[in-house]
Protein backbone atom coordinates (compact mmCIF):
# COMPACT_ATOMS: atom_id res chain seq x y z
CA UNK A 1 -44.22 -123.84 24.34
CA UNK A 2 -46.39 -122.42 27.09
CA UNK A 3 -49.10 -124.68 28.39
CA UNK A 4 -52.63 -123.66 27.55
CA UNK A 5 -55.07 -122.96 30.34
CA UNK A 6 -58.72 -124.03 30.43
CA UNK A 7 -60.35 -120.64 30.83
CA UNK A 8 -63.66 -119.63 32.30
CA UNK A 9 -63.87 -122.89 34.23
CA UNK A 10 -65.20 -122.60 37.79
CA UNK A 11 -62.75 -125.28 38.86
CA UNK A 12 -59.72 -123.20 37.86
CA UNK A 13 -57.88 -121.86 40.89
CA UNK A 14 -57.61 -118.10 40.85
CA UNK A 15 -53.90 -117.41 40.81
CA UNK A 16 -51.58 -114.44 41.28
CA UNK A 17 -52.63 -112.90 37.97
CA UNK A 18 -56.22 -112.78 39.19
CA UNK A 19 -55.05 -111.23 42.45
CA UNK A 20 -53.18 -108.51 40.55
CA UNK A 21 -56.30 -107.79 38.48
CA UNK A 22 -58.57 -107.70 41.54
CA UNK A 23 -56.19 -105.62 43.66
CA UNK A 24 -55.75 -103.06 40.90
CA UNK A 25 -59.50 -102.95 40.21
CA UNK A 26 -58.85 -103.72 36.55
CA UNK A 27 -61.67 -104.70 34.19
CA UNK A 28 -61.16 -105.15 30.44
CA UNK A 29 -64.35 -103.23 29.71
CA UNK A 30 -63.88 -102.60 26.00
CA UNK A 31 -62.94 -106.18 25.17
CA UNK A 32 -65.68 -107.66 27.36
CA UNK A 33 -68.27 -105.44 25.69
CA UNK A 34 -67.02 -106.52 22.27
CA UNK A 35 -67.20 -110.19 23.28
CA UNK A 36 -70.74 -109.65 24.47
CA UNK A 37 -71.64 -107.95 21.18
CA UNK A 38 -70.32 -110.93 19.20
CA UNK A 39 -72.37 -113.30 21.35
CA UNK A 40 -75.43 -111.11 20.73
CA UNK A 41 -74.82 -111.25 16.96
CA UNK A 42 -74.68 -115.05 16.99
CA UNK A 43 -77.79 -115.20 19.12
CA UNK A 44 -79.70 -112.83 16.86
CA UNK A 45 -78.86 -114.18 13.42
CA UNK A 46 -79.20 -117.85 14.48
CA UNK A 47 -76.94 -119.26 11.76
CA UNK A 48 -77.64 -122.93 11.13
CA UNK A 49 -75.39 -123.55 8.15
CA UNK A 50 -71.74 -124.33 8.73
CA UNK A 51 -69.29 -121.68 7.57
CA UNK A 52 -65.93 -123.28 6.94
CA UNK A 53 -63.87 -120.12 7.14
CA UNK A 54 -63.51 -118.49 10.55
CA UNK A 55 -61.80 -115.64 8.78
CA UNK A 56 -64.97 -115.02 6.74
CA UNK A 57 -67.03 -114.93 9.94
CA UNK A 58 -64.55 -112.48 11.46
CA UNK A 59 -64.62 -110.28 8.35
CA UNK A 60 -68.44 -110.13 8.33
CA UNK A 61 -68.68 -109.26 12.02
CA UNK A 62 -65.81 -106.78 11.76
CA UNK A 63 -67.59 -104.97 8.97
CA UNK A 64 -70.82 -104.97 10.97
CA UNK A 65 -69.15 -103.39 14.04
CA UNK A 66 -66.63 -101.30 12.08
CA UNK A 67 -63.70 -103.06 13.81
CA UNK A 68 -60.55 -104.60 12.36
CA UNK A 69 -60.83 -108.21 11.18
CA UNK A 70 -57.70 -109.26 13.09
CA UNK A 71 -59.17 -107.97 16.35
CA UNK A 72 -62.54 -109.68 15.81
CA UNK A 73 -60.73 -112.86 14.79
CA UNK A 74 -58.84 -112.71 18.08
CA UNK A 75 -62.10 -112.49 20.05
CA UNK A 76 -63.73 -115.30 18.08
CA UNK A 77 -60.72 -117.52 18.81
CA UNK A 78 -61.13 -116.76 22.51
CA UNK A 79 -64.85 -117.60 22.43
CA UNK A 80 -64.28 -120.78 20.44
CA UNK A 81 -61.32 -122.18 22.35
CA UNK A 82 -63.07 -121.65 25.65
CA UNK A 83 -66.20 -123.44 24.51
CA UNK A 84 -68.42 -120.36 24.41
CA UNK A 85 -69.35 -120.73 20.75
CA UNK A 86 -69.46 -123.78 18.47
CA UNK A 87 -68.14 -123.50 14.92
CA UNK A 88 -67.75 -127.20 14.22
CA UNK A 89 -71.20 -128.25 13.01
CA UNK A 90 -73.04 -124.96 13.05
CA UNK A 91 -72.46 -121.42 14.23
CA UNK A 92 -74.13 -121.21 17.60
CA UNK A 93 -73.69 -120.15 21.20
CA UNK A 94 -73.11 -122.90 23.74
CA UNK A 95 -74.85 -122.99 27.10
CA UNK A 96 -71.57 -121.85 28.61
CA UNK A 97 -71.47 -118.87 26.25
CA UNK A 98 -74.91 -117.74 27.36
CA UNK A 99 -73.45 -117.17 30.85
CA UNK A 100 -70.83 -114.71 29.60
CA UNK A 101 -72.75 -111.64 30.73
CA UNK A 102 -73.05 -113.00 34.26
CA UNK A 103 -69.45 -113.94 34.93
CA UNK A 104 -67.28 -112.18 37.50
CA UNK A 105 -65.72 -109.41 35.41
CA UNK A 106 -62.43 -109.54 37.31
CA UNK A 107 -62.19 -113.23 36.59
CA UNK A 108 -63.18 -112.77 32.96
CA UNK A 109 -60.63 -109.95 32.58
CA UNK A 110 -57.94 -112.22 34.02
CA UNK A 111 -58.70 -114.98 31.55
CA UNK A 112 -58.78 -112.58 28.61
CA UNK A 113 -55.32 -111.34 29.66
CA UNK A 114 -54.08 -114.89 30.04
CA UNK A 115 -55.38 -115.88 26.62
CA UNK A 116 -54.14 -112.84 24.73
CA UNK A 117 -50.77 -112.49 26.45
CA UNK A 118 -49.80 -116.12 26.97
CA UNK A 119 -51.85 -118.50 24.86
CA UNK A 120 -52.74 -116.64 21.69
CA UNK A 121 -50.70 -117.38 18.57
CA UNK A 122 -50.01 -113.78 17.58
CA UNK A 123 -48.28 -114.79 14.34
CA UNK A 124 -51.35 -116.62 13.11
CA UNK A 125 -53.85 -114.06 14.30
CA UNK A 126 -52.04 -111.07 12.85
CA UNK A 127 -50.65 -112.79 9.73
CA UNK A 128 -47.04 -112.10 10.61
CA UNK A 129 -43.83 -114.15 10.62
CA UNK A 130 -42.15 -111.76 13.01
CA UNK A 131 -39.95 -113.71 15.45
CA UNK A 132 -40.89 -111.26 18.20
CA UNK A 133 -44.45 -112.57 18.12
CA UNK A 134 -43.80 -116.25 18.80
CA UNK A 135 -44.48 -117.82 22.17
CA UNK A 136 -40.84 -118.53 22.93
CA UNK A 137 -39.96 -114.82 22.81
CA UNK A 138 -43.08 -113.68 24.66
CA UNK A 139 -41.55 -113.34 28.14
CA UNK A 140 -38.57 -111.50 26.67
CA UNK A 141 -40.89 -108.91 25.12
CA UNK A 142 -42.84 -108.55 28.38
CA UNK A 143 -39.61 -108.02 30.33
CA UNK A 144 -38.47 -105.38 27.86
CA UNK A 145 -41.66 -103.33 27.73
CA UNK A 146 -42.20 -103.55 31.50
CA UNK A 147 -39.17 -101.29 31.98
CA UNK A 148 -40.02 -98.67 29.36
CA UNK A 149 -41.55 -95.39 30.44
CA UNK A 150 -42.25 -91.98 28.97
CA UNK A 151 -39.18 -90.27 30.44
CA UNK A 152 -36.92 -92.99 29.07
CA UNK A 153 -38.35 -92.56 25.57
CA UNK A 154 -37.76 -88.81 25.73
CA UNK A 155 -34.10 -89.39 26.58
CA UNK A 156 -33.63 -92.25 24.13
CA UNK A 157 -31.81 -90.28 21.42
CA UNK A 158 -29.28 -88.89 23.88
CA UNK A 159 -28.56 -92.24 25.53
CA UNK A 160 -28.22 -94.06 22.22
CA UNK A 161 -25.28 -91.87 21.21
CA UNK A 162 -22.99 -94.12 23.28
CA UNK A 163 -22.31 -97.37 21.42
CA UNK A 164 -22.19 -99.42 24.62
CA UNK A 165 -25.75 -98.41 25.47
CA UNK A 166 -26.96 -98.70 21.90
CA UNK A 167 -25.91 -102.36 21.75
CA UNK A 168 -27.89 -103.41 24.80
CA UNK A 169 -31.25 -102.42 26.20
CA UNK A 170 -31.95 -99.44 23.98
CA UNK A 171 -31.05 -101.21 20.79
CA UNK A 172 -33.32 -104.11 21.71
CA UNK A 173 -36.30 -101.99 22.78
CA UNK A 174 -35.95 -99.92 19.59
CA UNK A 175 -35.99 -103.08 17.48
CA UNK A 176 -39.10 -104.34 19.25
CA UNK A 177 -41.01 -101.10 18.79
CA UNK A 178 -40.00 -100.82 15.13
CA UNK A 179 -41.38 -104.30 14.41
CA UNK A 180 -44.55 -104.10 12.29
CA UNK A 181 -45.87 -107.26 13.92
CA UNK A 182 -45.37 -105.92 17.42
CA UNK A 183 -47.06 -102.66 16.45
CA UNK A 184 -50.09 -104.71 15.40
CA UNK A 185 -50.12 -106.51 18.76
CA UNK A 186 -49.88 -103.17 20.56
CA UNK A 187 -52.77 -101.75 18.55
CA UNK A 188 -55.06 -104.79 18.66
CA UNK A 189 -54.17 -106.17 22.11
CA UNK A 190 -52.22 -104.00 24.52
CA UNK A 191 -54.02 -100.71 23.91
CA UNK A 192 -57.50 -102.27 23.74
CA UNK A 193 -56.76 -104.08 27.01
CA UNK A 194 -55.73 -100.70 28.50
CA UNK A 195 -52.23 -101.90 29.36
CA UNK A 196 -50.58 -98.72 28.11
CA UNK A 197 -50.38 -96.24 25.25
CA UNK A 198 -48.20 -95.31 22.28
CA UNK A 199 -45.87 -92.31 22.38
CA UNK A 200 -43.30 -91.45 19.70
CA UNK A 201 -43.81 -94.91 18.16
CA UNK A 202 -42.97 -96.58 21.48
CA UNK A 203 -45.38 -98.61 23.57
CA UNK A 204 -45.43 -97.22 27.13
CA UNK A 205 -47.07 -99.51 29.71
CA UNK A 206 -49.21 -97.88 32.37
CA UNK A 207 -48.77 -98.89 36.02
CA UNK A 208 -51.14 -101.84 35.70
CA UNK A 209 -49.58 -102.97 32.43
CA UNK A 210 -46.12 -102.75 33.98
CA UNK A 211 -47.19 -105.00 36.86
CA UNK A 212 -48.79 -107.54 34.51
CA UNK A 213 -45.78 -107.67 32.18
CA UNK A 214 -43.37 -108.02 35.08
CA UNK A 215 -45.47 -110.81 36.54
CA UNK A 216 -45.54 -112.67 33.23
CA UNK A 217 -41.75 -112.31 32.76
CA UNK A 218 -40.86 -113.29 36.33
CA UNK A 219 -39.32 -116.65 35.37
CA UNK A 220 -37.03 -115.02 32.85
CA UNK A 221 -35.98 -112.33 35.30
CA UNK A 222 -35.25 -114.96 37.96
CA UNK A 223 -33.05 -116.83 35.49
CA UNK A 224 -30.95 -113.74 34.81
CA UNK A 225 -30.73 -112.92 38.50
CA UNK A 226 -29.10 -116.32 38.98
CA UNK A 227 -26.61 -115.46 36.22
CA UNK A 228 -25.80 -112.24 38.04
CA UNK A 229 -25.02 -114.23 41.17
CA UNK A 230 -22.54 -116.20 39.05
CA UNK A 231 -21.02 -112.93 37.85
CA UNK A 232 -20.27 -111.81 41.38
CA UNK A 233 -18.91 -115.26 42.29
CA UNK A 234 -16.42 -115.04 39.42
CA UNK A 235 -15.59 -111.47 40.37
CA UNK A 236 -14.93 -112.36 44.02
CA UNK A 237 -12.63 -115.20 42.90
CA UNK A 238 -10.67 -112.80 40.70
CA UNK A 239 -11.96 -114.18 37.39
CA UNK A 240 -12.81 -110.75 36.03
CA UNK A 241 -12.90 -111.81 32.39
CA UNK A 242 -15.61 -114.41 33.02
CA UNK A 243 -17.62 -111.96 35.14
CA UNK A 244 -17.36 -109.36 32.39
CA UNK A 245 -18.43 -111.81 29.65
CA UNK A 246 -21.54 -112.98 31.54
CA UNK A 247 -22.61 -109.43 32.41
CA UNK A 248 -22.11 -108.32 28.79
CA UNK A 249 -24.19 -111.27 27.57
CA UNK A 250 -27.04 -110.38 29.92
CA UNK A 251 -27.41 -106.81 28.68
CA UNK A 252 -27.26 -107.94 25.06
CA UNK A 253 -29.93 -110.63 25.45
CA UNK A 254 -32.44 -109.36 27.98
CA UNK A 255 -33.07 -105.79 29.07
CA UNK A 256 -31.49 -103.13 31.14
CA UNK A 257 -30.26 -104.84 34.32
CA UNK A 258 -28.61 -102.43 36.80
CA UNK A 259 -26.53 -105.14 38.47
CA UNK A 260 -25.02 -106.19 35.14
CA UNK A 261 -23.68 -102.66 34.66
CA UNK A 262 -22.49 -102.71 38.26
CA UNK A 263 -20.40 -105.80 37.44
CA UNK A 264 -19.01 -104.16 34.30
CA UNK A 265 -18.12 -101.01 36.21
CA UNK A 266 -16.30 -102.94 38.93
CA UNK A 267 -14.34 -104.91 36.33
CA UNK A 268 -13.40 -101.68 34.55
CA UNK A 269 -12.03 -100.38 37.86
CA UNK A 270 -9.91 -103.51 38.18
CA UNK A 271 -8.69 -102.95 34.61
CA UNK A 272 -7.79 -99.35 35.44
CA UNK A 273 -10.33 -97.84 33.03
CA UNK A 274 -11.97 -95.58 35.60
CA UNK A 275 -13.82 -93.37 33.12
CA UNK A 276 -15.66 -96.35 31.64
CA UNK A 277 -16.43 -97.56 35.16
CA UNK A 278 -17.89 -94.16 36.02
CA UNK A 279 -19.99 -94.24 32.84
CA UNK A 280 -21.35 -97.71 33.72
CA UNK A 281 -22.39 -96.63 37.23
CA UNK A 282 -23.83 -93.30 36.06
CA UNK A 283 -25.81 -94.98 33.30
CA UNK A 284 -27.15 -97.71 35.58
CA UNK A 285 -28.30 -95.22 38.21
CA UNK A 286 -29.89 -92.89 35.66
CA UNK A 287 -31.95 -95.54 33.92
CA UNK A 288 -32.65 -97.42 37.17
CA UNK A 289 -34.37 -94.31 38.50
CA UNK A 290 -36.40 -93.89 35.31
CA UNK A 291 -37.58 -97.49 35.00
CA UNK A 292 -38.07 -98.68 38.57
CA UNK A 293 -41.60 -97.23 39.12
CA UNK A 294 -40.57 -96.97 42.79
CA UNK A 295 -39.64 -100.65 42.94
CA UNK A 296 -35.91 -100.24 43.73
CA UNK A 297 -33.62 -102.90 45.16
CA UNK A 298 -32.04 -100.81 47.92
CA UNK A 299 -28.84 -102.85 48.23
CA UNK A 300 -28.23 -102.77 44.48
CA UNK A 301 -28.91 -99.06 44.26
CA UNK A 302 -26.65 -98.23 47.21
CA UNK A 303 -23.89 -100.39 45.73
CA UNK A 304 -24.11 -98.53 42.41
CA UNK A 305 -24.08 -95.15 44.12
CA UNK A 306 -21.15 -96.16 46.34
CA UNK A 307 -19.16 -97.41 43.36
CA UNK A 308 -19.92 -94.22 41.44
CA UNK A 309 -18.41 -92.27 44.33
CA UNK A 310 -15.44 -94.62 44.30
CA UNK A 311 -14.83 -94.01 40.60
CA UNK A 312 -14.80 -90.24 41.18
CA UNK A 313 -12.39 -90.83 44.06
CA UNK A 314 -10.00 -92.76 41.82
CA UNK A 315 -10.24 -89.96 39.24
CA UNK A 316 -9.18 -87.47 41.96
CA UNK A 317 -12.54 -85.70 41.72
CA UNK A 318 -12.66 -85.45 45.49
CA UNK A 319 -15.53 -82.98 45.63
CA UNK A 320 -17.99 -85.30 43.83
CA UNK A 321 -16.70 -88.37 45.66
CA UNK A 322 -17.06 -86.78 49.08
CA UNK A 323 -20.55 -85.48 48.26
CA UNK A 324 -21.71 -88.99 47.30
CA UNK A 325 -20.15 -90.69 50.32
CA UNK A 326 -21.60 -88.14 52.74
CA UNK A 327 -25.04 -88.51 51.12
CA UNK A 328 -24.86 -92.28 51.55
CA UNK A 329 -23.77 -92.00 55.18
CA UNK A 330 -26.56 -89.52 55.94
CA UNK A 331 -29.29 -91.48 54.13
CA UNK A 332 -28.50 -95.08 55.10
CA UNK A 333 -29.40 -96.17 58.65
CA UNK A 334 -26.76 -98.93 58.79
CA UNK A 335 -23.00 -98.91 58.52
CA UNK A 336 -21.33 -99.61 55.18
CA UNK A 337 -17.88 -101.17 55.20
CA UNK A 338 -15.09 -98.74 54.35
CA UNK A 339 -17.40 -95.72 54.04
CA UNK A 340 -16.01 -93.88 57.07
CA UNK A 341 -12.48 -94.77 56.01
CA UNK A 342 -13.14 -93.41 52.52
CA UNK A 343 -14.49 -90.13 53.83
CA UNK A 344 -11.49 -89.73 56.10
CA UNK A 345 -9.05 -91.14 53.58
CA UNK A 346 -9.87 -88.93 50.60
CA UNK A 347 -7.08 -86.54 51.51
CA UNK A 348 -4.62 -89.41 51.81
CA UNK A 349 -5.87 -91.09 48.57
CA UNK A 350 -6.50 -94.44 50.26
CA UNK A 351 -7.40 -97.22 47.77
CA UNK A 352 -10.50 -99.24 48.53
CA UNK A 353 -11.86 -102.06 46.34
CA UNK A 354 -15.29 -101.70 44.69
CA UNK A 355 -18.35 -103.04 46.50
CA UNK A 356 -20.57 -105.82 45.19
């Protein structure tokens, strides 16, 4: 369970999430305005009787503002849990709540993001038992959506035709976007927070949303990067079966990870299944380019491109292999082991091991 944060407290240290918000110039205008409107309602009607049902309060305010009850309920939970309104003995604004209009909007936007994306119980708020909405799966969802873009959605049907691809990233992202509970979160949270938009029933994060989701899933991504290091260790020691199993597990559990497909491709070369190796490298490069948003790991990308050329070389497609190797040599300012030998050795069909 993720630890809750005391929000809107001047003593809270502004962390990396705040820095992302401030650097990007992001302000959750719509949500802040709605929070302010709710505060104004409480201030105007001056309720003195205790209303036992928060849901009833949310329904009344939602009807007043012509908003959904689940969305208003979300905002009331934020106001209540941060001590901005008091619903225990009477419905009233606290002294802290009266300062809402005067808070730093970057700071307030950060804390709204933190509450909605990390602390909020989506299942309770949106009346869903969807496993994708619980806190334990939250970082997984963030990691998945952070690598989805419009071009990828357009090509989804073509890429899903291959069963290998369908069982990994694309199958998982399709399942997430077809979840009724997740659709509710997208509608009531992600879109209203201007973290992205919906296209062809898929949630597409904008550049800011992508950065926020990647930041919030960083621990999970680091964990899988460590598993990838283990993959290459097993591969280098000749334990190809173990390397293959770990890489396969990664792409079934998390998201598209280029290095996992790189491992699979190299193992396929060792097994003599060059066509599958080529498919792994081609697929990894294609989706890497569509999901990276310019944030490409150069070494990983070069390794994939080199190994793609190597697979063509082993398939005796010398024209494609030579084109790739010459492109690498021309584009990379440092020397790559075996590259010159490969270029010169194509005619002699010299065998060189895959790169990791």
